[in-house]
Amino acid sequence: MDRETVIQNVINNYGKYGITEEAIIPLIDSGIQQGLSYDLIYLGLKMELCKLAGEEFYCTSSDMARAFGISNAEMSECIREARQELLEAGENPDDYFREVKATRFMI
């Protein structure tokens, strides 16, 4: 992902709530200055904007892997470990992680 894609995705998805380029560009710049990837910046913005809009935040494990610069297998292991930690803490991991079946189409 690059800067323009982050801006375009945020405006397309959250512009209806009054989010403007002028509002998000400083946030993107700040993330870059802190050494974050554009993928991680986008997921962070999406998470916060979902909270503000009263929407549920969701992303795929592949989105998270890309954002953190790790493989899908490594992300799957992180999720497995986090689910176990939540169980041990008496929490329901399904409140944080949802497994969904992939739908594929062939044309």
Protein backbone atom coordinates (compact mmCIF):
# COMPACT_ATOMS: atom_id res chain seq x y z
CA MET A 1 0.00 0.00 0.00
CA ASP A 2 1.19 3.54 -0.63
CA ARG A 3 0.24 6.99 0.64
CA GLU A 4 -2.32 7.70 -2.09
CA THR A 5 -4.02 4.34 -1.57
CA VAL A 6 -4.35 5.00 2.17
CA ILE A 7 -5.88 8.41 1.48
CA GLN A 8 -8.20 7.05 -1.20
CA ASN A 9 -9.39 4.12 0.95
CA VAL A 10 -10.03 6.28 4.00
CA ILE A 11 -11.91 8.94 2.03
CA ASN A 12 -13.95 6.35 0.12
CA ASN A 13 -14.94 4.53 3.30
CA TYR A 14 -15.22 7.34 5.84
CA GLY A 15 -15.74 10.52 3.80
CA LYS A 16 -19.47 10.14 4.44
CA TYR A 17 -18.67 10.91 8.10
CA GLY A 18 -16.90 14.14 7.22
CA ILE A 19 -13.37 12.74 7.17
CA THR A 20 -11.22 14.81 4.82
CA GLU A 21 -7.74 14.55 3.34
CA GLU A 22 -6.74 17.56 5.43
CA ALA A 23 -7.66 15.63 8.58
CA ILE A 24 -5.85 12.39 7.76
CA ILE A 25 -2.69 13.56 5.99
CA PRO A 26 -1.03 14.73 9.24
CA LEU A 27 -1.90 11.37 10.83
CA ILE A 28 -0.35 9.49 7.92
CA ASP A 29 2.76 11.71 8.04
CA SER A 30 3.08 11.13 11.78
CA GLY A 31 2.88 7.37 11.29
CA ILE A 32 5.58 7.45 8.62
CA GLN A 33 7.81 9.56 10.90
CA GLN A 34 7.36 6.89 13.58
CA GLY A 35 8.50 4.20 11.15
CA LEU A 36 5.11 2.59 10.55
CA SER A 37 4.19 1.00 7.24
CA TYR A 38 1.34 2.35 5.15
CA ASP A 39 -0.54 -0.91 5.73
CA LEU A 40 -0.25 -0.50 9.50
CA ILE A 41 -1.20 3.18 9.31
CA TYR A 42 -4.30 2.29 7.30
CA LEU A 43 -5.42 -0.40 9.75
CA GLY A 44 -4.86 1.98 12.67
CA LEU A 45 -6.88 4.72 10.99
CA LYS A 46 -9.60 2.24 10.05
CA MET A 47 -9.80 0.94 13.63
CA GLU A 48 -10.17 4.42 15.12
CA LEU A 49 -12.59 5.64 12.46
CA CYS A 50 -14.76 2.55 12.97
CA LYS A 51 -14.96 3.44 16.68
CA LEU A 52 -15.97 7.01 15.87
CA ALA A 53 -18.55 5.85 13.31
CA GLY A 54 -19.98 3.17 15.58
CA GLU A 55 -18.97 0.46 13.13
CA GLU A 56 -17.36 -2.86 13.91
CA PHE A 57 -13.67 -3.02 13.00
CA TYR A 58 -12.59 -6.07 11.08
CA CYS A 59 -9.63 -7.13 9.01
CA THR A 60 -8.17 -10.37 7.78
CA SER A 61 -5.19 -12.17 9.23
CA SER A 62 -3.48 -11.47 5.89
CA ASP A 63 -4.12 -7.73 6.37
CA MET A 64 -2.51 -7.94 9.80
CA ALA A 65 0.44 -10.00 8.55
CA ARG A 66 1.12 -7.47 5.79
CA ALA A 67 0.79 -4.55 8.22
CA PHE A 68 3.31 -6.06 10.63
CA GLY A 69 5.65 -7.36 7.93
CA ILE A 70 5.34 -11.04 8.85
CA SER A 71 4.17 -14.13 7.00
CA ASN A 72 0.60 -15.40 7.09
CA ALA A 73 1.85 -18.47 8.95
CA GLU A 74 3.50 -16.28 11.61
CA MET A 75 0.31 -14.25 12.00
CA SER A 76 -1.75 -17.42 12.34
CA GLU A 77 0.59 -18.53 15.13
CA CYS A 78 0.28 -15.12 16.86
CA ILE A 79 -3.51 -15.42 16.70
CA ARG A 80 -3.41 -18.98 18.04
CA GLU A 81 -1.24 -17.84 20.97
CA ALA A 82 -3.45 -14.81 21.66
CA ARG A 83 -6.58 -17.00 21.64
CA GLN A 84 -4.94 -19.31 24.19
CA GLU A 85 -3.94 -16.37 26.41
CA LEU A 86 -7.50 -15.05 26.31
CA LEU A 87 -8.87 -18.46 27.30
CA GLU A 88 -6.42 -18.65 30.20
CA ALA A 89 -7.53 -15.17 31.30
CA GLY A 90 -11.15 -16.33 31.32
CA GLU A 91 -12.15 -14.36 28.24
CA ASN A 92 -13.87 -15.52 25.08
CA PRO A 93 -11.41 -15.38 22.17
CA ASP A 94 -14.33 -15.24 19.74
CA ASP A 95 -14.99 -11.72 21.02
CA TYR A 96 -11.66 -10.73 19.44
CA PHE A 97 -11.03 -13.20 16.63
CA ARG A 98 -13.58 -14.68 14.26
CA GLU A 99 -12.90 -17.48 11.86
CA VAL A 100 -14.84 -17.22 8.64
CA LYS A 101 -15.02 -19.51 5.68
CA ALA A 102 -13.45 -18.14 2.53
CA THR A 103 -15.67 -17.87 -0.51
CA ARG A 104 -13.98 -18.29 -3.84
CA PHE A 105 -15.40 -17.70 -7.27
CA MET A 106 -14.07 -18.93 -10.56
CA ILE A 107 -14.95 -17.28 -13.83
